[in-house]
Amino acid sequence: MPASEYVTELRGKVGSGLLMFPTVSAVIFNDREEILLAQRSDNGLWTLVAGMMDPGEQPADTLVREVAEETSIQVEIQRLAGVALHEVTYPNGDLCHMVNSWFRCRATGGEARVNDSESLAVGWFALDALPDLNPYALHRIRTALPEEGPAWFAAPGDRMIAGM
């Protein structure tokens, strides 16, 4: 069952109460060292390309699928950049805690375009010319900048929720 159907089924049972989901997001670099961002259709804000894992799906498979579905870009995953819990309240009032794994990626093919209804626009941005981003998106970008290194995680006792 696709994640969207799974969420709809769960929401039918719990209403707008708290749900927890595994998610992924991609910090995608092109050959000019620009980052691919998407402008969300639900709130108009710019952010990283992200998505919810389908039941039984590995995080890396989810990431490759979501990036292609949303932007038509093919990626190579270079490394796990971090993992954290963050809170999301959707415009309809639904509250979710997302356990997000984000990856540093390199674009390997495709032309960036809006490829589904989740985005209003997609585009490549230089690091010194990013649109207004929330602190959590900036944190994921910052932790993905090094080509090598350990994945970031919240230390025991730290809370990584909402805008940090």
N, C-alpha and C. Protein backbone atom coordinates (compact mmCIF):
# COMPACT_ATOMS: atom_id res chain seq x y z
N MET A 1 0.85 -1.17 0.00
CA MET A 1 0.00 0.00 0.00
C MET A 1 0.90 1.24 0.00
N PRO A 2 0.70 2.18 -0.93
CA PRO A 2 1.48 3.41 -0.95
C PRO A 2 1.29 4.20 0.35
N ALA A 3 2.31 4.98 0.71
CA ALA A 3 2.27 5.74 1.96
C ALA A 3 1.05 6.63 2.04
N SER A 4 0.65 7.27 0.94
CA SER A 4 -0.50 8.18 0.99
C SER A 4 -1.79 7.45 1.36
N GLU A 5 -1.96 6.23 0.87
CA GLU A 5 -3.13 5.43 1.24
C GLU A 5 -3.05 5.00 2.70
N TYR A 6 -1.86 4.67 3.14
CA TYR A 6 -1.63 4.27 4.52
C TYR A 6 -1.99 5.41 5.46
N VAL A 7 -1.55 6.64 5.13
CA VAL A 7 -1.84 7.81 5.95
C VAL A 7 -3.35 8.07 5.98
N THR A 8 -3.99 7.99 4.83
CA THR A 8 -5.43 8.21 4.77
C THR A 8 -6.17 7.21 5.66
N GLU A 9 -5.75 5.96 5.61
CA GLU A 9 -6.36 4.93 6.45
C GLU A 9 -6.14 5.22 7.93
N LEU A 10 -4.92 5.59 8.29
CA LEU A 10 -4.63 5.92 9.70
C LEU A 10 -5.41 7.14 10.16
N ARG A 11 -5.46 8.18 9.32
CA ARG A 11 -6.20 9.39 9.69
C ARG A 11 -7.68 9.09 9.91
N GLY A 12 -8.22 8.15 9.16
CA GLY A 12 -9.61 7.75 9.36
C GLY A 12 -9.85 7.17 10.74
N LYS A 13 -8.80 6.61 11.33
CA LYS A 13 -8.91 6.00 12.65
C LYS A 13 -8.57 6.95 13.80
N VAL A 14 -7.59 7.85 13.59
CA VAL A 14 -7.13 8.70 14.69
C VAL A 14 -7.45 10.17 14.51
N GLY A 15 -8.08 10.56 13.42
CA GLY A 15 -8.38 11.96 13.20
C GLY A 15 -7.11 12.75 12.99
N SER A 16 -7.04 13.98 13.54
CA SER A 16 -5.87 14.83 13.33
C SER A 16 -4.84 14.67 14.45
N GLY A 17 -4.99 13.66 15.31
CA GLY A 17 -4.05 13.42 16.40
C GLY A 17 -2.67 13.06 15.90
N LEU A 18 -1.74 12.97 16.84
CA LEU A 18 -0.34 12.73 16.53
C LEU A 18 -0.11 11.37 15.89
N LEU A 19 0.62 11.38 14.76
CA LEU A 19 1.11 10.17 14.11
C LEU A 19 2.61 10.31 13.92
N MET A 20 3.32 9.19 13.89
CA MET A 20 4.76 9.19 13.65
C MET A 20 5.04 8.42 12.37
N PHE A 21 5.90 9.00 11.50
CA PHE A 21 6.22 8.39 10.22
C PHE A 21 7.71 8.44 9.94
N PRO A 22 8.23 7.42 9.24
CA PRO A 22 9.60 7.50 8.75
C PRO A 22 9.62 8.26 7.41
N THR A 23 10.54 9.22 7.31
CA THR A 23 10.64 10.03 6.11
C THR A 23 12.11 10.17 5.70
N VAL A 24 12.31 10.65 4.48
CA VAL A 24 13.65 10.93 3.97
C VAL A 24 13.66 12.30 3.32
N SER A 25 14.82 12.90 3.24
CA SER A 25 14.97 14.13 2.46
C SER A 25 16.34 14.14 1.81
N ALA A 26 16.44 14.90 0.73
CA ALA A 26 17.62 14.88 -0.12
C ALA A 26 18.25 16.26 -0.22
N VAL A 27 19.54 16.32 0.07
CA VAL A 27 20.33 17.52 -0.21
C VAL A 27 21.08 17.18 -1.49
N ILE A 28 20.54 17.67 -2.61
CA ILE A 28 21.02 17.27 -3.94
C ILE A 28 21.88 18.37 -4.54
N PHE A 29 23.11 18.02 -4.92
CA PHE A 29 24.03 18.96 -5.56
C PHE A 29 24.13 18.63 -7.04
N ASN A 30 24.26 19.69 -7.85
CA ASN A 30 24.56 19.49 -9.27
C ASN A 30 26.04 19.77 -9.51
N ASP A 31 26.48 19.77 -10.75
CA ASP A 31 27.89 19.99 -11.08
C ASP A 31 28.38 21.40 -10.75
N ARG A 32 27.46 22.34 -10.57
CA ARG A 32 27.81 23.72 -10.21
C ARG A 32 27.76 23.94 -8.69
N GLU A 33 27.56 22.83 -7.95
CA GLU A 33 27.45 22.86 -6.48
C GLU A 33 26.23 23.66 -6.01
N GLU A 34 25.19 23.69 -6.84
CA GLU A 34 23.91 24.28 -6.45
C GLU A 34 23.06 23.17 -5.81
N ILE A 35 22.08 23.59 -5.02
CA ILE A 35 21.20 22.66 -4.33
C ILE A 35 19.81 22.73 -4.94
N LEU A 36 19.19 21.56 -5.13
CA LEU A 36 17.84 21.49 -5.67
C LEU A 36 16.83 21.67 -4.54
N LEU A 37 15.92 22.62 -4.71
CA LEU A 37 14.86 22.87 -3.74
C LEU A 37 13.51 22.82 -4.44
N ALA A 38 12.48 22.56 -3.65
CA ALA A 38 11.11 22.52 -4.16
C ALA A 38 10.25 23.49 -3.36
N GLN A 39 9.33 24.16 -4.05
CA GLN A 39 8.37 25.03 -3.38
C GLN A 39 7.09 24.24 -3.17
N ARG A 40 6.76 23.99 -1.91
CA ARG A 40 5.62 23.13 -1.56
C ARG A 40 4.29 23.72 -2.03
N SER A 41 3.41 22.87 -2.50
CA SER A 41 2.10 23.35 -2.95
C SER A 41 1.14 23.57 -1.78
N ASP A 42 1.39 22.95 -0.62
CA ASP A 42 0.44 23.10 0.49
C ASP A 42 0.65 24.39 1.29
N ASN A 43 1.89 24.93 1.30
CA ASN A 43 2.11 26.15 2.09
C ASN A 43 2.96 27.20 1.36
N GLY A 44 3.43 26.89 0.15
CA GLY A 44 4.20 27.85 -0.64
C GLY A 44 5.64 28.04 -0.22
N LEU A 45 6.10 27.30 0.78
CA LEU A 45 7.46 27.47 1.27
C LEU A 45 8.45 26.61 0.50
N TRP A 46 9.68 27.11 0.38
CA TRP A 46 10.76 26.36 -0.26
C TRP A 46 11.38 25.41 0.75
N THR A 47 11.76 24.21 0.30
CA THR A 47 12.39 23.22 1.17
C THR A 47 13.13 22.19 0.34
N LEU A 48 13.74 21.25 1.02
CA LEU A 48 14.39 20.13 0.36
C LEU A 48 13.35 19.16 -0.18
N VAL A 49 13.72 18.41 -1.19
CA VAL A 49 12.85 17.35 -1.70
C VAL A 49 12.80 16.26 -0.63
N ALA A 50 11.59 15.83 -0.29
CA ALA A 50 11.42 14.87 0.80
C ALA A 50 10.20 14.02 0.55
N GLY A 51 10.09 12.95 1.31
CA GLY A 51 8.92 12.10 1.18
C GLY A 51 8.84 11.06 2.27
N MET A 52 7.70 10.41 2.31
CA MET A 52 7.41 9.40 3.32
C MET A 52 7.72 8.01 2.76
N MET A 53 8.30 7.19 3.61
CA MET A 53 8.62 5.82 3.21
C MET A 53 7.33 5.01 3.08
N ASP A 54 7.28 4.18 2.06
CA ASP A 54 6.20 3.20 1.94
C ASP A 54 6.51 2.02 2.85
N PRO A 55 5.49 1.35 3.36
CA PRO A 55 5.76 0.15 4.18
C PRO A 55 6.65 -0.83 3.42
N GLY A 56 7.69 -1.32 4.10
CA GLY A 56 8.60 -2.29 3.51
C GLY A 56 9.70 -1.70 2.64
N GLU A 57 9.75 -0.39 2.49
CA GLU A 57 10.71 0.26 1.61
C GLU A 57 11.93 0.73 2.41
N GLN A 58 13.11 0.54 1.85
CA GLN A 58 14.33 1.02 2.47
C GLN A 58 14.45 2.54 2.28
N PRO A 59 15.06 3.26 3.22
CA PRO A 59 15.19 4.72 3.09
C PRO A 59 15.85 5.15 1.78
N ALA A 60 16.92 4.49 1.35
CA ALA A 60 17.59 4.89 0.11
C ALA A 60 16.67 4.72 -1.09
N ASP A 61 15.89 3.65 -1.12
CA ASP A 61 14.94 3.44 -2.22
C ASP A 61 13.87 4.53 -2.21
N THR A 62 13.40 4.90 -1.02
CA THR A 62 12.41 5.96 -0.91
C THR A 62 12.96 7.26 -1.46
N LEU A 63 14.20 7.58 -1.10
CA LEU A 63 14.80 8.83 -1.54
C LEU A 63 14.90 8.91 -3.06
N VAL A 64 15.43 7.87 -3.67
CA VAL A 64 15.57 7.85 -5.13
C VAL A 64 14.20 7.96 -5.79
N ARG A 65 13.22 7.24 -5.28
CA ARG A 65 11.86 7.27 -5.84
C ARG A 65 11.24 8.66 -5.69
N GLU A 66 11.29 9.22 -4.49
CA GLU A 66 10.65 10.52 -4.23
C GLU A 66 11.27 11.63 -5.08
N VAL A 67 12.59 11.66 -5.18
CA VAL A 67 13.25 12.70 -5.99
C VAL A 67 12.79 12.59 -7.45
N ALA A 68 12.77 11.38 -7.99
CA ALA A 68 12.34 11.20 -9.38
C ALA A 68 10.86 11.57 -9.54
N GLU A 69 10.02 11.13 -8.61
CA GLU A 69 8.58 11.43 -8.71
C GLU A 69 8.31 12.93 -8.65
N GLU A 70 9.01 13.64 -7.77
CA GLU A 70 8.71 15.05 -7.54
C GLU A 70 9.43 16.00 -8.50
N THR A 71 10.62 15.59 -9.01
CA THR A 71 11.42 16.54 -9.78
C THR A 71 11.93 16.01 -11.12
N SER A 72 11.80 14.74 -11.40
CA SER A 72 12.32 14.02 -12.56
C SER A 72 13.85 13.94 -12.58
N ILE A 73 14.49 14.24 -11.46
CA ILE A 73 15.95 14.15 -11.36
C ILE A 73 16.33 12.76 -10.85
N GLN A 74 17.37 12.18 -11.44
CA GLN A 74 17.95 10.93 -10.93
C GLN A 74 19.15 11.31 -10.06
N VAL A 75 19.31 10.59 -8.96
CA VAL A 75 20.39 10.90 -8.02
C VAL A 75 21.21 9.68 -7.67
N GLU A 76 22.44 9.97 -7.26
CA GLU A 76 23.31 8.99 -6.64
C GLU A 76 23.47 9.44 -5.19
N ILE A 77 23.21 8.55 -4.26
CA ILE A 77 23.37 8.89 -2.85
C ILE A 77 24.85 8.79 -2.50
N GLN A 78 25.39 9.86 -1.91
CA GLN A 78 26.80 9.89 -1.54
C GLN A 78 27.02 9.49 -0.08
N ARG A 79 26.11 9.90 0.79
CA ARG A 79 26.25 9.51 2.19
C ARG A 79 25.00 9.88 2.97
N LEU A 80 24.82 9.20 4.10
CA LEU A 80 23.80 9.60 5.07
C LEU A 80 24.34 10.83 5.77
N ALA A 81 23.58 11.91 5.78
CA ALA A 81 24.04 13.16 6.40
C ALA A 81 23.48 13.34 7.80
N GLY A 82 22.33 12.74 8.10
CA GLY A 82 21.78 12.90 9.43
C GLY A 82 20.46 12.19 9.61
N VAL A 83 20.04 12.13 10.86
CA VAL A 83 18.75 11.55 11.22
C VAL A 83 18.23 12.28 12.45
N ALA A 84 16.95 12.65 12.42
CA ALA A 84 16.38 13.40 13.54
C ALA A 84 14.86 13.32 13.51
N LEU A 85 14.29 13.58 14.65
CA LEU A 85 12.84 13.71 14.80
C LEU A 85 12.49 15.18 14.62
N HIS A 86 11.44 15.45 13.86
CA HIS A 86 10.93 16.82 13.80
C HIS A 86 9.42 16.77 13.70
N GLU A 87 8.79 17.83 14.17
CA GLU A 87 7.34 17.93 14.23
C GLU A 87 6.82 18.73 13.05
N VAL A 88 5.74 18.25 12.46
CA VAL A 88 5.10 18.94 11.35
C VAL A 88 3.61 19.06 11.65
N THR A 89 3.07 20.26 11.53
CA THR A 89 1.63 20.47 11.60
C THR A 89 1.19 20.95 10.23
N TYR A 90 0.35 20.17 9.57
CA TYR A 90 -0.09 20.50 8.22
C TYR A 90 -1.19 21.55 8.27
N PRO A 91 -1.43 22.25 7.15
CA PRO A 91 -2.44 23.31 7.12
C PRO A 91 -3.83 22.84 7.59
N ASN A 92 -4.15 21.55 7.43
CA ASN A 92 -5.45 21.04 7.87
C ASN A 92 -5.47 20.69 9.35
N GLY A 93 -4.35 20.92 10.07
CA GLY A 93 -4.29 20.65 11.49
C GLY A 93 -3.70 19.30 11.87
N ASP A 94 -3.45 18.44 10.90
CA ASP A 94 -2.85 17.14 11.20
C ASP A 94 -1.47 17.34 11.80
N LEU A 95 -1.19 16.63 12.91
CA LEU A 95 0.08 16.71 13.60
C LEU A 95 0.86 15.42 13.40
N CYS A 96 2.13 15.56 12.97
CA CYS A 96 2.98 14.39 12.74
C CYS A 96 4.35 14.62 13.33
N HIS A 97 4.92 13.54 13.85
CA HIS A 97 6.34 13.52 14.19
C HIS A 97 6.99 12.69 13.11
N MET A 98 7.95 13.28 12.44
CA MET A 98 8.65 12.62 11.35
C MET A 98 10.04 12.23 11.83
N VAL A 99 10.39 10.97 11.67
CA VAL A 99 11.76 10.53 11.89
C VAL A 99 12.40 10.58 10.52
N ASN A 100 13.21 11.63 10.31
CA ASN A 100 13.75 11.94 8.98
C ASN A 100 15.21 11.55 8.88
N SER A 101 15.52 10.80 7.83
CA SER A 101 16.90 10.51 7.45
C SER A 101 17.19 11.34 6.21
N TRP A 102 18.24 12.16 6.28
CA TRP A 102 18.56 12.96 5.10
C TRP A 102 19.92 12.55 4.56
N PHE A 103 20.01 12.67 3.23
CA PHE A 103 21.16 12.15 2.50
C PHE A 103 21.77 13.24 1.63
N ARG A 104 23.10 13.23 1.53
CA ARG A 104 23.79 14.06 0.55
C ARG A 104 23.77 13.28 -0.76
N CYS A 105 23.34 13.94 -1.84
CA CYS A 105 23.20 13.28 -3.13
C CYS A 105 23.83 14.12 -4.23
N ARG A 106 24.10 13.46 -5.34
CA ARG A 106 24.60 14.10 -6.54
C ARG A 106 23.61 13.81 -7.66
N ALA A 107 23.18 14.85 -8.37
CA ALA A 107 22.30 14.65 -9.53
C ALA A 107 23.07 13.94 -10.64
N THR A 108 22.45 12.93 -11.22
CA THR A 108 23.12 12.16 -12.28
C THR A 108 22.37 12.21 -13.60
N GLY A 109 21.16 12.76 -13.61
CA GLY A 109 20.40 12.82 -14.84
C GLY A 109 19.06 13.50 -14.64
N GLY A 110 18.41 13.80 -15.75
CA GLY A 110 17.10 14.44 -15.73
C GLY A 110 17.20 15.95 -15.72
N GLU A 111 16.09 16.59 -16.02
CA GLU A 111 15.98 18.05 -15.98
C GLU A 111 15.00 18.40 -14.88
N ALA A 112 15.40 19.25 -13.96
CA ALA A 112 14.55 19.62 -12.84
C ALA A 112 13.25 20.27 -13.33
N ARG A 113 12.15 19.72 -12.87
CA ARG A 113 10.83 20.28 -13.21
C ARG A 113 9.83 19.82 -12.17
N VAL A 114 8.71 20.51 -12.10
CA VAL A 114 7.61 20.08 -11.25
C VAL A 114 7.05 18.83 -11.90
N ASN A 115 7.05 17.74 -11.19
CA ASN A 115 6.68 16.46 -11.78
C ASN A 115 5.46 15.83 -11.10
N ASP A 116 4.89 16.51 -10.11
CA ASP A 116 3.66 16.03 -9.46
C ASP A 116 2.96 17.20 -8.80
N SER A 117 1.91 16.93 -8.06
CA SER A 117 1.11 18.01 -7.45
C SER A 117 1.66 18.50 -6.12
N GLU A 118 2.77 17.94 -5.64
CA GLU A 118 3.29 18.33 -4.32
C GLU A 118 4.08 19.64 -4.35
N SER A 119 4.48 20.08 -5.54
CA SER A 119 5.31 21.28 -5.66
C SER A 119 4.71 22.29 -6.62
N LEU A 120 4.95 23.57 -6.31
CA LEU A 120 4.59 24.66 -7.22
C LEU A 120 5.73 24.95 -8.18
N ALA A 121 6.97 24.76 -7.69
CA ALA A 121 8.17 25.04 -8.48
C ALA A 121 9.31 24.22 -7.93
N VAL A 122 10.32 23.99 -8.76
CA VAL A 122 11.58 23.39 -8.32
C VAL A 122 12.69 24.20 -8.97
N GLY A 123 13.84 24.26 -8.32
CA GLY A 123 14.94 25.01 -8.90
C GLY A 123 16.25 24.75 -8.21
N TRP A 124 17.32 25.05 -8.93
CA TRP A 124 18.67 24.94 -8.41
C TRP A 124 19.09 26.28 -7.83
N PHE A 125 19.70 26.25 -6.64
CA PHE A 125 20.09 27.48 -5.95
C PHE A 125 21.53 27.39 -5.48
N ALA A 126 22.27 28.48 -5.71
CA ALA A 126 23.62 28.58 -5.16
C ALA A 126 23.50 28.71 -3.64
N LEU A 127 24.51 28.21 -2.93
CA LEU A 127 24.47 28.26 -1.46
C LEU A 127 24.37 29.68 -0.93
N ASP A 128 24.91 30.66 -1.66
CA ASP A 128 24.84 32.04 -1.20
C ASP A 128 23.61 32.78 -1.74
N ALA A 129 22.69 32.06 -2.36
CA ALA A 129 21.48 32.68 -2.91
C ALA A 129 20.24 31.82 -2.65
N LEU A 130 20.19 31.18 -1.48
CA LEU A 130 19.05 30.33 -1.15
C LEU A 130 17.82 31.18 -0.86
N PRO A 131 16.64 30.70 -1.21
CA PRO A 131 15.42 31.40 -0.81
C PRO A 131 15.26 31.28 0.71
N ASP A 132 14.25 31.92 1.25
CA ASP A 132 13.98 31.83 2.68
C ASP A 132 13.65 30.38 3.03
N LEU A 133 14.42 29.80 3.94
CA LEU A 133 14.23 28.41 4.37
C LEU A 133 14.07 28.36 5.88
N ASN A 134 13.33 27.36 6.36
CA ASN A 134 13.19 27.23 7.81
C ASN A 134 14.48 26.70 8.41
N PRO A 135 14.66 26.87 9.72
CA PRO A 135 15.91 26.42 10.37
C PRO A 135 16.20 24.94 10.18
N TYR A 136 15.18 24.11 10.13
CA TYR A 136 15.41 22.68 9.97
C TYR A 136 15.98 22.36 8.59
N ALA A 137 15.47 23.00 7.54
CA ALA A 137 16.03 22.81 6.19
C ALA A 137 17.48 23.29 6.15
N LEU A 138 17.75 24.43 6.75
CA LEU A 138 19.13 24.94 6.78
C LEU A 138 20.05 24.00 7.54
N HIS A 139 19.57 23.41 8.62
CA HIS A 139 20.37 22.45 9.39
C HIS A 139 20.72 21.23 8.54
N ARG A 140 19.75 20.71 7.80
CA ARG A 140 20.02 19.55 6.94
C ARG A 140 21.03 19.89 5.86
N ILE A 141 20.92 21.07 5.28
CA ILE A 141 21.89 21.49 4.26
C ILE A 141 23.28 21.61 4.89
N ARG A 142 23.37 22.29 6.01
CA ARG A 142 24.66 22.50 6.67
C ARG A 142 25.34 21.17 7.01
N THR A 143 24.59 20.19 7.49
CA THR A 143 25.19 18.91 7.88
C THR A 143 25.54 18.05 6.67
N ALA A 144 24.99 18.37 5.51
CA ALA A 144 25.28 17.61 4.29
C ALA A 144 26.39 18.23 3.46
N LEU A 145 26.87 19.40 3.81
CA LEU A 145 27.89 20.07 3.01
C LEU A 145 29.19 19.27 2.89
N PRO A 146 29.74 18.73 3.96
CA PRO A 146 30.98 17.95 3.79
C PRO A 146 30.73 16.71 2.94
N GLU A 147 31.65 16.44 2.02
CA GLU A 147 31.50 15.25 1.17
C GLU A 147 31.67 13.97 1.95
N GLU A 148 32.41 14.03 3.06
CA GLU A 148 32.62 12.87 3.91
C GLU A 148 32.35 13.30 5.35
N GLY A 149 32.19 12.31 6.19
CA GLY A 149 32.02 12.62 7.60
C GLY A 149 30.90 11.82 8.20
N PRO A 150 30.82 11.88 9.51
CA PRO A 150 29.76 11.12 10.19
C PRO A 150 28.40 11.77 9.99
N ALA A 151 27.37 10.98 10.12
CA ALA A 151 26.01 11.49 10.06
C ALA A 151 25.71 12.26 11.34
N TRP A 152 24.95 13.34 11.22
CA TRP A 152 24.54 14.12 12.38
C TRP A 152 23.36 13.41 13.06
N PHE A 153 23.30 13.51 14.37
CA PHE A 153 22.13 13.04 15.11
C PHE A 153 22.02 13.85 16.38
N ALA A 154 20.81 13.94 16.91
CA ALA A 154 20.60 14.63 18.17
C ALA A 154 21.19 13.78 19.29
N ALA A 155 21.97 14.42 20.14
CA ALA A 155 22.57 13.70 21.27
C ALA A 155 21.47 13.25 22.22
N PRO A 156 21.71 12.17 22.99
CA PRO A 156 20.70 11.73 23.96
C PRO A 156 20.25 12.91 24.85
N GLY A 157 18.96 13.06 24.97
CA GLY A 157 18.38 14.14 25.76
C GLY A 157 18.06 15.39 24.98
N ASP A 158 18.66 15.57 23.79
CA ASP A 158 18.36 16.73 22.96
C ASP A 158 17.01 16.53 22.27
N ARG A 159 16.31 17.63 22.05
CA ARG A 159 15.05 17.57 21.32
C ARG A 159 15.25 18.23 19.98
N MET A 160 14.96 17.51 18.91
CA MET A 160 15.09 18.03 17.54
C MET A 160 13.69 18.05 16.96
N ILE A 161 12.92 19.08 17.31
CA ILE A 161 11.54 19.13 16.88
C ILE A 161 11.25 20.50 16.29
N ALA A 162 10.41 20.52 15.29
CA ALA A 162 9.94 21.75 14.62
C ALA A 162 11.12 22.55 14.09
N GLY A 163 11.19 23.83 14.40
CA GLY A 163 12.20 24.71 13.84
C GLY A 163 13.50 24.70 14.59
N MET A 164 13.73 23.75 15.44
CA MET A 164 14.96 23.58 16.21
C MET A 164 14.89 24.51 17.37
